[in-house]
PDB file of N, CA and C in Angstrom:
ATOM      1  N   UNK A   1       1.143  -1.593   0.084  1.00  0.00           N
ATOM      2  CA  UNK A   1       0.217  -0.206   0.170  1.00  0.00           C
ATOM      3  C   UNK A   1       0.912   1.602   0.054  1.00  0.00           C
ATOM      4  N   UNK A   2       2.322   1.142   0.954  1.00  0.00           N
ATOM      5  CA  UNK A   2       2.950   2.336   0.651  1.00  0.00           C
ATOM      6  C   UNK A   2       3.216   2.680  -0.865  1.00  0.00           C
ATOM      7  N   UNK A   3       3.668   1.986  -1.196  1.00  0.00           N
ATOM      8  CA  UNK A   3       3.941   1.657  -2.673  1.00  0.00           C
ATOM      9  C   UNK A   3       3.246   2.526  -3.578  1.00  0.00           C
ATOM     10  N   UNK A   4       1.343   1.661  -3.388  1.00  0.00           N
ATOM     11  CA  UNK A   4       0.628   3.145  -4.527  1.00  0.00           C
ATOM     12  C   UNK A   4       0.398   4.858  -4.589  1.00  0.00           C
ATOM     13  N   UNK A   5       1.107   5.022  -3.084  1.00  0.00           N
ATOM     14  CA  UNK A   5       0.841   5.996  -2.673  1.00  0.00           C
ATOM     15  C   UNK A   5       1.621   6.852  -3.308  1.00  0.00           C
ATOM     16  N   UNK A   6       3.270   6.213  -3.013  1.00  0.00           N
ATOM     17  CA  UNK A   6       4.338   6.809  -3.400  1.00  0.00           C
ATOM     18  C   UNK A   6       4.327   6.981  -5.400  1.00  0.00           C
ATOM     19  N   UNK A   7       3.356   6.042  -5.870  1.00  0.00           N
ATOM     20  CA  UNK A   7       3.580   5.862  -7.551  1.00  0.00           C
ATOM     21  C   UNK A   7       2.219   6.925  -7.853  1.00  0.00           C
ATOM     22  N   UNK A   8       1.403   6.263  -6.965  1.00  0.00           N
ATOM     23  CA  UNK A   8       0.215   7.789  -7.558  1.00  0.00           C
ATOM     24  C   UNK A   8       0.774   9.505  -7.291  1.00  0.00           C
ATOM     25  N   UNK A   9       1.651   9.710  -5.983  1.00  0.00           N
ATOM     26  CA  UNK A   9       1.980  10.949  -6.043  1.00  0.00           C
ATOM     27  C   UNK A   9       3.382  11.215  -7.112  1.00  0.00           C
ATOM     28  N   UNK A  10       3.435  10.162  -7.652  1.00  0.00           N
ATOM     29  CA  UNK A  10       4.714   9.931  -8.744  1.00  0.00           C
ATOM     30  C   UNK A  10       3.814  10.554  -9.622  1.00  0.00           C
ATOM     31  N   UNK A  11       3.192   9.857 -10.260  1.00  0.00           N
ATOM     32  CA  UNK A  11       2.266  10.182 -11.398  1.00  0.00           C
ATOM     33  C   UNK A  11       1.303  11.857 -11.386  1.00  0.00           C
ATOM     34  N   UNK A  12       1.284  11.516 -10.516  1.00  0.00           N
ATOM     35  CA  UNK A  12       1.019  13.195  -9.974  1.00  0.00           C
ATOM     36  C   UNK A  12       1.366  14.920 -10.276  1.00  0.00           C
ATOM     37  N   UNK A  13       2.650  14.164  -9.866  1.00  0.00           N
ATOM     38  CA  UNK A  13       3.620  14.798  -9.779  1.00  0.00           C
ATOM     39  C   UNK A  13       4.412  15.216 -11.359  1.00  0.00           C
ATOM     40  N   UNK A  14       4.174  13.808 -12.366  1.00  0.00           N
ATOM     41  CA  UNK A  14       4.938  14.052 -13.434  1.00  0.00           C
ATOM     42  C   UNK A  14       3.788  14.764 -14.326  1.00  0.00           C
ATOM     43  N   UNK A  15       2.075  14.636 -14.258  1.00  0.00           N
ATOM     44  CA  UNK A  15       0.971  14.831 -14.865  1.00  0.00           C
ATOM     45  C   UNK A  15       0.936  15.962 -14.542  1.00  0.00           C
ATOM     46  N   UNK A  16       1.457  16.752 -13.504  1.00  0.00           N
ATOM     47  CA  UNK A  16       1.325  18.294 -13.514  1.00  0.00           C
ATOM     48  C   UNK A  16       2.428  19.013 -13.915  1.00  0.00           C
ATOM     49  N   UNK A  17       4.307  18.401 -14.581  1.00  0.00           N
ATOM     50  CA  UNK A  17       4.243  18.595 -15.120  1.00  0.00           C
ATOM     51  C   UNK A  17       4.421  19.163 -16.132  1.00  0.00           C
ATOM     52  N   UNK A  18       3.414  18.868 -17.158  1.00  0.00           N
ATOM     53  CA  UNK A  18       3.736  18.057 -18.073  1.00  0.00           C
ATOM     54  C   UNK A  18       2.481  18.964 -18.478  1.00  0.00           C
ATOM     55  N   UNK A  19       1.467  19.181 -17.512  1.00  0.00           N
ATOM     56  CA  UNK A  19       0.487  20.198 -18.498  1.00  0.00           C
ATOM     57  C   UNK A  19       0.629  22.085 -18.140  1.00  0.00           C
ATOM     58  N   UNK A  20       2.502  21.671 -16.955  1.00  0.00           N
ATOM     59  CA  UNK A  20       3.306  23.097 -16.769  1.00  0.00           C
ATOM     60  C   UNK A  20       3.898  23.239 -18.111  1.00  0.00           C
ATOM     61  N   UNK A  21       4.652  22.080 -18.847  1.00  0.00           N
ATOM     62  CA  UNK A  21       5.371  22.978 -19.937  1.00  0.00           C
ATOM     63  C   UNK A  21       4.703  22.937 -21.125  1.00  0.00           C
ATOM     64  N   UNK A  22       2.814  22.074 -21.531  1.00  0.00           N
ATOM     65  CA  UNK A  22       2.543  22.364 -22.245  1.00  0.00           C
ATOM     66  C   UNK A  22       2.048  23.393 -22.855  1.00  0.00           C
ATOM     67  N   UNK A  23       1.863  23.923 -21.594  1.00  0.00           N
ATOM     68  CA  UNK A  23       0.899  25.784 -21.165  1.00  0.00           C
ATOM     69  C   UNK A  23       2.014  26.554 -21.660  1.00  0.00           C
ATOM     70  N   UNK A  24       2.426  26.157 -21.082  1.00  0.00           N
ATOM     71  CA  UNK A  24       4.111  26.539 -21.563  1.00  0.00           C
ATOM     72  C   UNK A  24       4.282  27.972 -22.631  1.00  0.00           C
ATOM     73  N   UNK A  25       4.098  26.181 -23.592  1.00  0.00           N
ATOM     74  CA  UNK A  25       4.502  26.641 -24.859  1.00  0.00           C
ATOM     75  C   UNK A  25       3.105  27.358 -25.951  1.00  0.00           C
ATOM     76  N   UNK A  26       2.354  27.052 -25.226  1.00  0.00           N
ATOM     77  CA  UNK A  26       1.484  28.297 -25.806  1.00  0.00           C
ATOM     78  C   UNK A  26       1.307  29.402 -25.289  1.00  0.00           C
ATOM     79  N   UNK A  27       1.716  29.399 -23.711  1.00  0.00           N
ATOM     80  CA  UNK A  27       2.463  30.684 -24.191  1.00  0.00           C
ATOM     81  C   UNK A  27       3.296  31.354 -24.665  1.00  0.00           C
ATOM     82  N   UNK A  28       4.297  31.114 -24.984  1.00  0.00           N
ATOM     83  CA  UNK A  28       5.539  31.324 -25.381  1.00  0.00           C
ATOM     84  C   UNK A  28       5.847  31.488 -27.341  1.00  0.00           C
ATOM     85  N   UNK A  29       5.002  30.634 -27.303  1.00  0.00           N
ATOM     86  CA  UNK A  29       4.829  30.134 -28.830  1.00  0.00           C
ATOM     87  C   UNK A  29       3.513  30.995 -29.914  1.00  0.00           C
ATOM     88  N   UNK A  30       3.226  31.788 -29.409  1.00  0.00           N
ATOM     89  CA  UNK A  30       2.994  33.745 -29.622  1.00  0.00           C
ATOM     90  C   UNK A  30       3.600  34.350 -29.876  1.00  0.00           C
ATOM     91  N   UNK A  31       5.070  34.459 -28.633  1.00  0.00           N
ATOM     92  CA  UNK A  31       5.790  35.348 -29.058  1.00  0.00           C
ATOM     93  C   UNK A  31       7.130  35.401 -29.575  1.00  0.00           C
ATOM     94  N   UNK A  32       7.048  33.774 -30.217  1.00  0.00           N
ATOM     95  CA  UNK A  32       7.757  33.456 -31.520  1.00  0.00           C
ATOM     96  C   UNK A  32       7.697  33.913 -32.783  1.00  0.00           C
ATOM     97  N   UNK A  33       6.243  33.402 -32.888  1.00  0.00           N
ATOM     98  CA  UNK A  33       5.691  33.954 -34.441  1.00  0.00           C
ATOM     99  C   UNK A  33       5.828  35.224 -34.713  1.00  0.00           C
ATOM    100  N   UNK A  34       5.823  36.364 -32.562  1.00  0.00           N
ATOM    101  CA  UNK A  34       5.622  37.479 -32.965  1.00  0.00           C
ATOM    102  C   UNK A  34       6.445  38.004 -33.769  1.00  0.00           C
ATOM    103  N   UNK A  35       7.952  37.913 -32.749  1.00  0.00           N
ATOM    104  CA  UNK A  35       9.035  37.342 -33.368  1.00  0.00           C
ATOM    105  C   UNK A  35       9.269  37.873 -33.977  1.00  0.00           C
ATOM    106  N   UNK A  36       9.264  37.031 -35.766  1.00  0.00           N
ATOM    107  CA  UNK A  36       9.809  36.783 -36.776  1.00  0.00           C
ATOM    108  C   UNK A  36       8.499  37.258 -37.638  1.00  0.00           C
ATOM    109  N   UNK A  37       7.864  37.757 -36.922  1.00  0.00           N
ATOM    110  CA  UNK A  37       6.831  38.276 -38.415  1.00  0.00           C
ATOM    111  C   UNK A  37       6.287  39.016 -39.369  1.00  0.00           C
ATOM    112  N   UNK A  38       7.573  40.199 -40.104  1.00  0.00           N
ATOM    113  CA  UNK A  38       7.810  41.440 -40.804  1.00  0.00           C
ATOM    114  C   UNK A  38       6.665  42.119 -40.839  1.00  0.00           C
ATOM    115  N   UNK A  39       5.501  41.480 -40.772  1.00  0.00           N
ATOM    116  CA  UNK A  39       3.555  42.155 -40.570  1.00  0.00           C
ATOM    117  C   UNK A  39       4.032  42.950 -40.192  1.00  0.00           C
ATOM    118  N   UNK A  40       4.359  42.531 -38.156  1.00  0.00           N
ATOM    119  CA  UNK A  40       4.347  42.342 -37.419  1.00  0.00           C
ATOM    120  C   UNK A  40       4.778  43.814 -36.389  1.00  0.00           C
ATOM    121  N   UNK A  41       5.836  43.471 -37.058  1.00  0.00           N
ATOM    122  CA  UNK A  41       7.331  44.108 -36.332  1.00  0.00           C
ATOM    123  C   UNK A  41       7.391  45.682 -37.541  1.00  0.00           C
ATOM    124  N   UNK A  42       8.000  46.854 -36.484  1.00  0.00           N
ATOM    125  CA  UNK A  42       8.194  47.793 -37.589  1.00  0.00           C
ATOM    126  C   UNK A  42       8.913  47.707 -38.591  1.00  0.00           C
ATOM    127  N   UNK A  43       9.922  48.563 -39.131  1.00  0.00           N
ATOM    128  CA  UNK A  43      10.671  48.228 -40.166  1.00  0.00           C
ATOM    129  C   UNK A  43      11.543  48.857 -39.868  1.00  0.00           C
ATOM    130  N   UNK A  44      12.909  47.928 -39.892  1.00  0.00           N
ATOM    131  CA  UNK A  44      13.918  48.759 -39.805  1.00  0.00           C
ATOM    132  C   UNK A  44      15.066  49.189 -41.016  1.00  0.00           C
ATOM    133  N   UNK A  45      14.479  50.156 -41.540  1.00  0.00           N
ATOM    134  CA  UNK A  45      15.170  50.742 -42.178  1.00  0.00           C
ATOM    135  C   UNK A  45      15.642  52.196 -41.986  1.00  0.00           C
ATOM    136  N   UNK A  46      16.634  52.580 -42.020  1.00  0.00           N
ATOM    137  CA  UNK A  46      17.274  54.216 -42.109  1.00  0.00           C
ATOM    138  C   UNK A  46      15.740  55.046 -42.079  1.00  0.00           C
ATOM    139  N   UNK A  47      15.885  55.951 -40.757  1.00  0.00           N
ATOM    140  CA  UNK A  47      14.739  57.371 -40.549  1.00  0.00           C
ATOM    141  C   UNK A  47      15.627  58.741 -40.159  1.00  0.00           C
ATOM    142  N   UNK A  48      15.197  59.194 -41.283  1.00  0.00           N
ATOM    143  CA  UNK A  48      15.721  60.746 -41.742  1.00  0.00           C
ATOM    144  C   UNK A  48      15.095  61.512 -40.403  1.00  0.00           C
ATOM    145  N   UNK A  49      15.698  62.100 -39.568  1.00  0.00           N
ATOM    146  CA  UNK A  49      14.940  62.013 -38.205  1.00  0.00           C
ATOM    147  C   UNK A  49      14.734  64.161 -38.897  1.00  0.00           C
ATOM    148  N   UNK A  50      15.487  65.022 -40.467  1.00  0.00           N
ATOM    149  CA  UNK A  50      14.587  65.814 -40.080  1.00  0.00           C
ATOM    150  C   UNK A  50      13.300  65.808 -41.419  1.00  0.00           C
ATOM    151  N   UNK A  51      13.032  64.952 -41.676  1.00  0.00           N
ATOM    152  CA  UNK A  51      12.028  64.460 -42.639  1.00  0.00           C
ATOM    153  C   UNK A  51      10.391  63.695 -42.168  1.00  0.00           C
ATOM    154  N   UNK A  52      11.169  63.503 -41.152  1.00  0.00           N
ATOM    155  CA  UNK A  52      10.446  62.002 -40.537  1.00  0.00           C
ATOM    156  C   UNK A  52       8.874  62.406 -40.132  1.00  0.00           C
ATOM    157  N   UNK A  53       7.897  62.081 -40.095  1.00  0.00           N
ATOM    158  CA  UNK A  53       6.746  62.040 -39.880  1.00  0.00           C
ATOM    159  C   UNK A  53       6.607  61.597 -38.336  1.00  0.00           C
ATOM    160  N   UNK A  54       5.401  61.792 -37.612  1.00  0.00           N
ATOM    161  CA  UNK A  54       4.459  60.994 -36.885  1.00  0.00           C
ATOM    162  C   UNK A  54       5.219  59.552 -36.364  1.00  0.00           C
ATOM    163  N   UNK A  55       4.552  59.215 -37.246  1.00  0.00           N
ATOM    164  CA  UNK A  55       4.251  58.450 -37.623  1.00  0.00           C
ATOM    165  C   UNK A  55       5.692  57.143 -37.929  1.00  0.00           C
ATOM    166  N   UNK A  56       6.622  58.230 -38.400  1.00  0.00           N
ATOM    167  CA  UNK A  56       7.297  57.308 -39.387  1.00  0.00           C
ATOM    168  C   UNK A  56       8.582  57.510 -38.070  1.00  0.00           C
ATOM    169  N   UNK A  57       8.082  58.180 -36.879  1.00  0.00           N
ATOM    170  CA  UNK A  57       9.147  58.505 -35.665  1.00  0.00           C
ATOM    171  C   UNK A  57       9.354  57.589 -34.652  1.00  0.00           C
ATOM    172  N   UNK A  58       7.980  57.046 -34.665  1.00  0.00           N
ATOM    173  CA  UNK A  58       7.179  56.001 -33.127  1.00  0.00           C
ATOM    174  C   UNK A  58       7.671  54.979 -33.046  1.00  0.00           C
ATOM    175  N   UNK A  59       8.405  53.940 -35.071  1.00  0.00           N
ATOM    176  CA  UNK A  59       8.733  53.441 -35.620  1.00  0.00           C
ATOM    177  C   UNK A  59       9.815  52.739 -34.887  1.00  0.00           C
ATOM    178  N   UNK A  60      11.178  53.818 -34.140  1.00  0.00           N
ATOM    179  CA  UNK A  60      12.105  53.723 -33.167  1.00  0.00           C
ATOM    180  C   UNK A  60      11.557  53.031 -31.897  1.00  0.00           C
ATOM    181  N   UNK A  61      13.174  53.043 -31.623  1.00  0.00           N
ATOM    182  CA  UNK A  61      12.641  51.897 -30.236  1.00  0.00           C
ATOM    183  C   UNK A  61      12.079  53.295 -29.239  1.00  0.00           C
ATOM    184  N   UNK A  62      11.641  52.676 -28.126  1.00  0.00           N
ATOM    185  CA  UNK A  62      11.447  54.187 -27.203  1.00  0.00           C
ATOM    186  C   UNK A  62      10.807  55.779 -27.397  1.00  0.00           C
ATOM    187  N   UNK A  63      10.715  55.269 -28.255  1.00  0.00           N
ATOM    188  CA  UNK A  63       9.577  56.499 -28.986  1.00  0.00           C
ATOM    189  C   UNK A  63       8.315  56.423 -29.267  1.00  0.00           C
ATOM    190  N   UNK A  64       7.959  57.516 -28.587  1.00  0.00           N
ATOM    191  CA  UNK A  64       6.327  57.382 -28.535  1.00  0.00           C
ATOM    192  C   UNK A  64       5.471  58.425 -29.243  1.00  0.00           C
ATOM    193  N   UNK A  65       3.886  58.863 -29.633  1.00  0.00           N
ATOM    194  CA  UNK A  65       3.888  60.052 -29.943  1.00  0.00           C
ATOM    195  C   UNK A  65       4.180  61.611 -29.681  1.00  0.00           C
ATOM    196  N   UNK A  66       3.575  61.075 -28.247  1.00  0.00           N
ATOM    197  CA  UNK A  66       4.602  62.809 -27.979  1.00  0.00           C
ATOM    198  C   UNK A  66       5.590  62.724 -28.114  1.00  0.00           C
ATOM    199  N   UNK A  67       7.268  61.910 -28.165  1.00  0.00           N
ATOM    200  CA  UNK A  67       8.659  62.180 -28.480  1.00  0.00           C
ATOM    201  C   UNK A  67       8.195  63.082 -29.245  1.00  0.00           C
ATOM    202  N   UNK A  68       7.662  61.974 -30.347  1.00  0.00           N
ATOM    203  CA  UNK A  68       7.794  62.019 -31.515  1.00  0.00           C
ATOM    204  C   UNK A  68       7.456  63.292 -31.515  1.00  0.00           C
ATOM    205  N   UNK A  69       6.375  64.194 -30.874  1.00  0.00           N
ATOM    206  CA  UNK A  69       5.783  65.201 -31.546  1.00  0.00           C
ATOM    207  C   UNK A  69       6.841  67.101 -30.867  1.00  0.00           C
ATOM    208  N   UNK A  70       7.834  65.798 -29.687  1.00  0.00           N
ATOM    209  CA  UNK A  70       9.013  66.955 -29.238  1.00  0.00           C
ATOM    210  C   UNK A  70       9.187  67.396 -30.617  1.00  0.00           C
ATOM    211  N   UNK A  71      10.347  65.857 -30.538  1.00  0.00           N
ATOM    212  CA  UNK A  71      11.401  66.055 -32.455  1.00  0.00           C
ATOM    213  C   UNK A  71      11.299  66.494 -33.190  1.00  0.00           C
ATOM    214  N   UNK A  72       9.970  66.583 -33.558  1.00  0.00           N
ATOM    215  CA  UNK A  72       9.104  67.562 -34.898  1.00  0.00           C
ATOM    216  C   UNK A  72       9.637  68.792 -34.589  1.00  0.00           C
ATOM    217  N   UNK A  73       8.827  69.641 -32.679  1.00  0.00           N
ATOM    218  CA  UNK A  73       9.140  71.075 -32.540  1.00  0.00           C
ATOM    219  C   UNK A  73      10.222  71.244 -32.244  1.00  0.00           C
ATOM    220  N   UNK A  74      11.429  70.420 -31.894  1.00  0.00           N
ATOM    221  CA  UNK A  74      12.450  71.143 -31.940  1.00  0.00           C
ATOM    222  C   UNK A  74      13.157  70.876 -33.335  1.00  0.00           C
ATOM    223  N   UNK A  75      12.862  70.104 -33.985  1.00  0.00           N
ATOM    224  CA  UNK A  75      12.800  70.441 -35.467  1.00  0.00           C
ATOM    225  C   UNK A  75      12.723  71.637 -36.275  1.00  0.00           C
ATOM    226  N   UNK A  76      12.151  71.758 -36.059  1.00  0.00           N
ATOM    227  CA  UNK A  76      10.476  73.070 -36.401  1.00  0.00           C
ATOM    228  C   UNK A  76      11.285  74.708 -36.388  1.00  0.00           C
ATOM    229  N   UNK A  77      11.678  74.436 -34.361  1.00  0.00           N
ATOM    230  CA  UNK A  77      11.912  76.070 -34.067  1.00  0.00           C
ATOM    231  C   UNK A  77      14.050  76.125 -33.853  1.00  0.00           C
ATOM    232  N   UNK A  78      14.799  75.342 -34.462  1.00  0.00           N
ATOM    233  CA  UNK A  78      16.116  74.890 -34.743  1.00  0.00           C
ATOM    234  C   UNK A  78      16.559  74.804 -35.679  1.00  0.00           C
ATOM    235  N   UNK A  79      15.428  74.350 -36.698  1.00  0.00           N
ATOM    236  CA  UNK A  79      16.129  73.648 -37.852  1.00  0.00           C
ATOM    237  C   UNK A  79      16.896  72.612 -38.129  1.00  0.00           C
ATOM    238  N   UNK A  80      16.912  71.822 -38.762  1.00  0.00           N
ATOM    239  CA  UNK A  80      17.553  70.557 -39.252  1.00  0.00           C
ATOM    240  C   UNK A  80      18.273  70.111 -38.388  1.00  0.00           C
ATOM    241  N   UNK A  81      18.277  68.875 -38.120  1.00  0.00           N
ATOM    242  CA  UNK A  81      19.492  68.244 -37.229  1.00  0.00           C
ATOM    243  C   UNK A  81      20.938  68.213 -38.425  1.00  0.00           C
ATOM    244  N   UNK A  82      21.946  68.675 -37.741  1.00  0.00           N
ATOM    245  CA  UNK A  82      23.230  69.034 -38.790  1.00  0.00           C
ATOM    246  C   UNK A  82      23.974  66.582 -38.287  1.00  0.00           C
ATOM    247  N   UNK A  83      23.871  66.338 -37.231  1.00  0.00           N
ATOM    248  CA  UNK A  83      23.928  65.062 -38.171  1.00  0.00           C
ATOM    249  C   UNK A  83      22.751  64.871 -36.801  1.00  0.00           C
ATOM    250  N   UNK A  84      23.450  63.242 -36.669  1.00  0.00           N
ATOM    251  CA  UNK A  84      22.176  62.299 -36.021  1.00  0.00           C
ATOM    252  C   UNK A  84      22.337  62.174 -34.425  1.00  0.00           C
ATOM    253  N   UNK A  85      23.512  62.432 -33.956  1.00  0.00           N
ATOM    254  CA  UNK A  85      23.141  62.254 -32.582  1.00  0.00           C
ATOM    255  C   UNK A  85      22.827  63.983 -32.013  1.00  0.00           C
ATOM    256  N   UNK A  86      22.706  64.401 -32.675  1.00  0.00           N
ATOM    257  CA  UNK A  86      22.293  66.306 -32.132  1.00  0.00           C
ATOM    258  C   UNK A  86      21.160  66.098 -31.581  1.00  0.00           C
ATOM    259  N   UNK A  87      19.690  64.965 -32.107  1.00  0.00           N
ATOM    260  CA  UNK A  87      18.904  64.436 -31.205  1.00  0.00           C
ATOM    261  C   UNK A  87      19.090  64.664 -29.930  1.00  0.00           C
ATOM    262  N   UNK A  88      20.585  64.439 -29.818  1.00  0.00           N
ATOM    263  CA  UNK A  88      20.567  63.475 -27.772  1.00  0.00           C
ATOM    264  C   UNK A  88      19.935  65.403 -26.990  1.00  0.00           C
ATOM    265  N   UNK A  89      20.001  66.570 -27.632  1.00  0.00           N
ATOM    266  CA  UNK A  89      19.684  67.985 -27.358  1.00  0.00           C
ATOM    267  C   UNK A  89      18.110  67.813 -27.355  1.00  0.00           C
ATOM    268  N   UNK A  90      17.673  66.935 -27.956  1.00  0.00           N
ATOM    269  CA  UNK A  90      16.125  66.691 -27.466  1.00  0.00           C
ATOM    270  C   UNK A  90      15.376  66.583 -25.827  1.00  0.00           C
ATOM    271  N   UNK A  91      14.994  67.866 -25.632  1.00  0.00           N
ATOM    272  CA  UNK A  91      14.447  66.785 -24.079  1.00  0.00           C
ATOM    273  C   UNK A  91      13.410  65.911 -23.660  1.00  0.00           C
ATOM    274  N   UNK A  92      13.959  64.680 -23.018  1.00  0.00           N
ATOM    275  CA  UNK A  92      13.055  63.134 -23.505  1.00  0.00           C
ATOM    276  C   UNK A  92      14.478  62.325 -23.685  1.00  0.00           C
ATOM    277  N   UNK A  93      14.950  62.818 -24.818  1.00  0.00           N
ATOM    278  CA  UNK A  93      16.041  61.775 -25.823  1.00  0.00           C
ATOM    279  C   UNK A  93      16.564  61.681 -24.865  1.00  0.00           C
ATOM    280  N   UNK A  94      17.278  60.488 -24.231  1.00  0.00           N
ATOM    281  CA  UNK A  94      19.253  59.967 -23.722  1.00  0.00           C
ATOM    282  C   UNK A  94      19.004  59.172 -24.556  1.00  0.00           C
ATOM    283  N   UNK A  95      20.864  58.992 -23.248  1.00  0.00           N
ATOM    284  CA  UNK A  95      21.240  57.523 -24.284  1.00  0.00           C
ATOM    285  C   UNK A  95      21.758  56.221 -23.880  1.00  0.00           C
ATOM    286  N   UNK A  96      20.424  55.680 -23.681  1.00  0.00           N
ATOM    287  CA  UNK A  96      19.801  54.778 -23.486  1.00  0.00           C
ATOM    288  C   UNK A  96      18.003  54.885 -25.369  1.00  0.00           C
ATOM    289  N   UNK A  97      18.116  56.076 -25.766  1.00  0.00           N
ATOM    290  CA  UNK A  97      17.078  56.968 -26.728  1.00  0.00           C
ATOM    291  C   UNK A  97      18.325  55.856 -27.980  1.00  0.00           C
ATOM    292  N   UNK A  98      19.712  56.626 -27.990  1.00  0.00           N
ATOM    293  CA  UNK A  98      20.199  56.984 -29.116  1.00  0.00           C
ATOM    294  C   UNK A  98      20.842  55.262 -28.980  1.00  0.00           C
ATOM    295  N   UNK A  99      21.671  54.948 -28.174  1.00  0.00           N
ATOM    296  CA  UNK A  99      21.819  53.626 -27.942  1.00  0.00           C
ATOM    297  C   UNK A  99      21.510  51.956 -28.857  1.00  0.00           C
ATOM    298  N   UNK A 100      20.344  52.243 -28.416  1.00  0.00           N
ATOM    299  CA  UNK A 100      18.734  51.318 -28.949  1.00  0.00           C
ATOM    300  C   UNK A 100      18.970  51.960 -30.383  1.00  0.00           C
ATOM    301  N   UNK A 101      18.596  53.545 -31.522  1.00  0.00           N
ATOM    302  CA  UNK A 101      18.127  53.453 -32.740  1.00  0.00           C
ATOM    303  C   UNK A 101      19.635  54.363 -32.988  1.00  0.00           C
ATOM    304  N   UNK A 102      20.715  54.364 -32.818  1.00  0.00           N
ATOM    305  CA  UNK A 102      21.774  55.127 -33.471  1.00  0.00           C
ATOM    306  C   UNK A 102      21.952  54.390 -34.874  1.00  0.00           C
ATOM    307  N   UNK A 103      21.397  53.637 -35.786  1.00  0.00           N
ATOM    308  CA  UNK A 103      21.902  52.876 -36.516  1.00  0.00           C
ATOM    309  C   UNK A 103      20.997  52.405 -37.319  1.00  0.00           C
ATOM    310  N   UNK A 104      20.086  53.651 -35.967  1.00  0.00           N
ATOM    311  CA  UNK A 104      19.177  53.510 -37.693  1.00  0.00           C
ATOM    312  C   UNK A 104      18.250  55.174 -37.799  1.00  0.00           C
ATOM    313  N   UNK A 105      18.969  56.420 -37.195  1.00  0.00           N
ATOM    314  CA  UNK A 105      18.311  57.411 -37.598  1.00  0.00           C
ATOM    315  C   UNK A 105      19.677  58.217 -38.681  1.00  0.00           C
ATOM    316  N   UNK A 106      19.381  58.845 -39.976  1.00  0.00           N
ATOM    317  CA  UNK A 106      20.079  58.951 -40.519  1.00  0.00           C
ATOM    318  C   UNK A 106      19.836  60.870 -40.939  1.00  0.00           C
ATOM    319  N   UNK A 107      20.629  61.289 -41.602  1.00  0.00           N
ATOM    320  CA  UNK A 107      19.861  62.902 -41.781  1.00  0.00           C
ATOM    321  C   UNK A 107      20.696  63.089 -42.908  1.00  0.00           C
ATOM    322  N   UNK A 108      20.994  62.437 -43.932  1.00  0.00           N
ATOM    323  CA  UNK A 108      21.687  62.503 -45.136  1.00  0.00           C
ATOM    324  C   UNK A 108      21.361  63.499 -45.710  1.00  0.00           C
ATOM    325  N   UNK A 109      19.932  63.549 -46.000  1.00  0.00           N
ATOM    326  CA  UNK A 109      19.758  64.371 -47.300  1.00  0.00           C
ATOM    327  C   UNK A 109      20.469  66.057 -47.013  1.00  0.00           C
ATOM    328  N   UNK A 110      20.213  65.838 -45.417  1.00  0.00           N
ATOM    329  CA  UNK A 110      20.826  67.288 -45.286  1.00  0.00           C
ATOM    330  C   UNK A 110      22.745  67.726 -45.540  1.00  0.00           C
ATOM    331  N   UNK A 111      22.859  66.667 -44.915  1.00  0.00           N
ATOM    332  CA  UNK A 111      24.083  65.950 -45.448  1.00  0.00           C
ATOM    333  C   UNK A 111      24.046  66.333 -47.317  1.00  0.00           C
ATOM    334  N   UNK A 112      23.458  65.987 -47.861  1.00  0.00           N
ATOM    335  CA  UNK A 112      23.779  65.996 -48.743  1.00  0.00           C
ATOM    336  C   UNK A 112      24.067  67.372 -50.022  1.00  0.00           C
ATOM    337  N   UNK A 113      22.678  68.344 -49.473  1.00  0.00           N
ATOM    338  CA  UNK A 113      22.631  70.251 -49.453  1.00  0.00           C
ATOM    339  C   UNK A 113      23.172  70.655 -49.044  1.00  0.00           C
ATOM    340  N   UNK A 114      24.429  70.427 -47.747  1.00  0.00           N
ATOM    341  CA  UNK A 114      25.389  70.970 -47.186  1.00  0.00           C
ATOM    342  C   UNK A 114      26.696  71.227 -48.639  1.00  0.00           C
ATOM    343  N   UNK A 115      27.034  70.017 -49.184  1.00  0.00           N
ATOM    344  CA  UNK A 115      27.840  69.426 -50.216  1.00  0.00           C
ATOM    345  C   UNK A 115      27.859  70.851 -51.373  1.00  0.00           C
TER     346      UNK A 115
END
């Protein structure tokens, strides 16, 4: 009888473990498919901060509509950004933003006009 109790406990523990694994798979699978789906993810193309709209700016990491509006307001008040790093002058933009987006930000058209 003592052996049957241990066997039941073992089976219960195994069944509980299998249930946890199956539920975890259902939770994790959508995240994996989302990460690989290109139509759900914002584009990784470069964004010209001198010409970008709010909709384009919010494709950058750590940027919402309010901060995008602030970037545009800064650009309108101070003129075009001369180099990508100048975005750090906008209130609310810091090094975490820069590190996450520096490869996606460009001011290409302004450089061409300066030459």
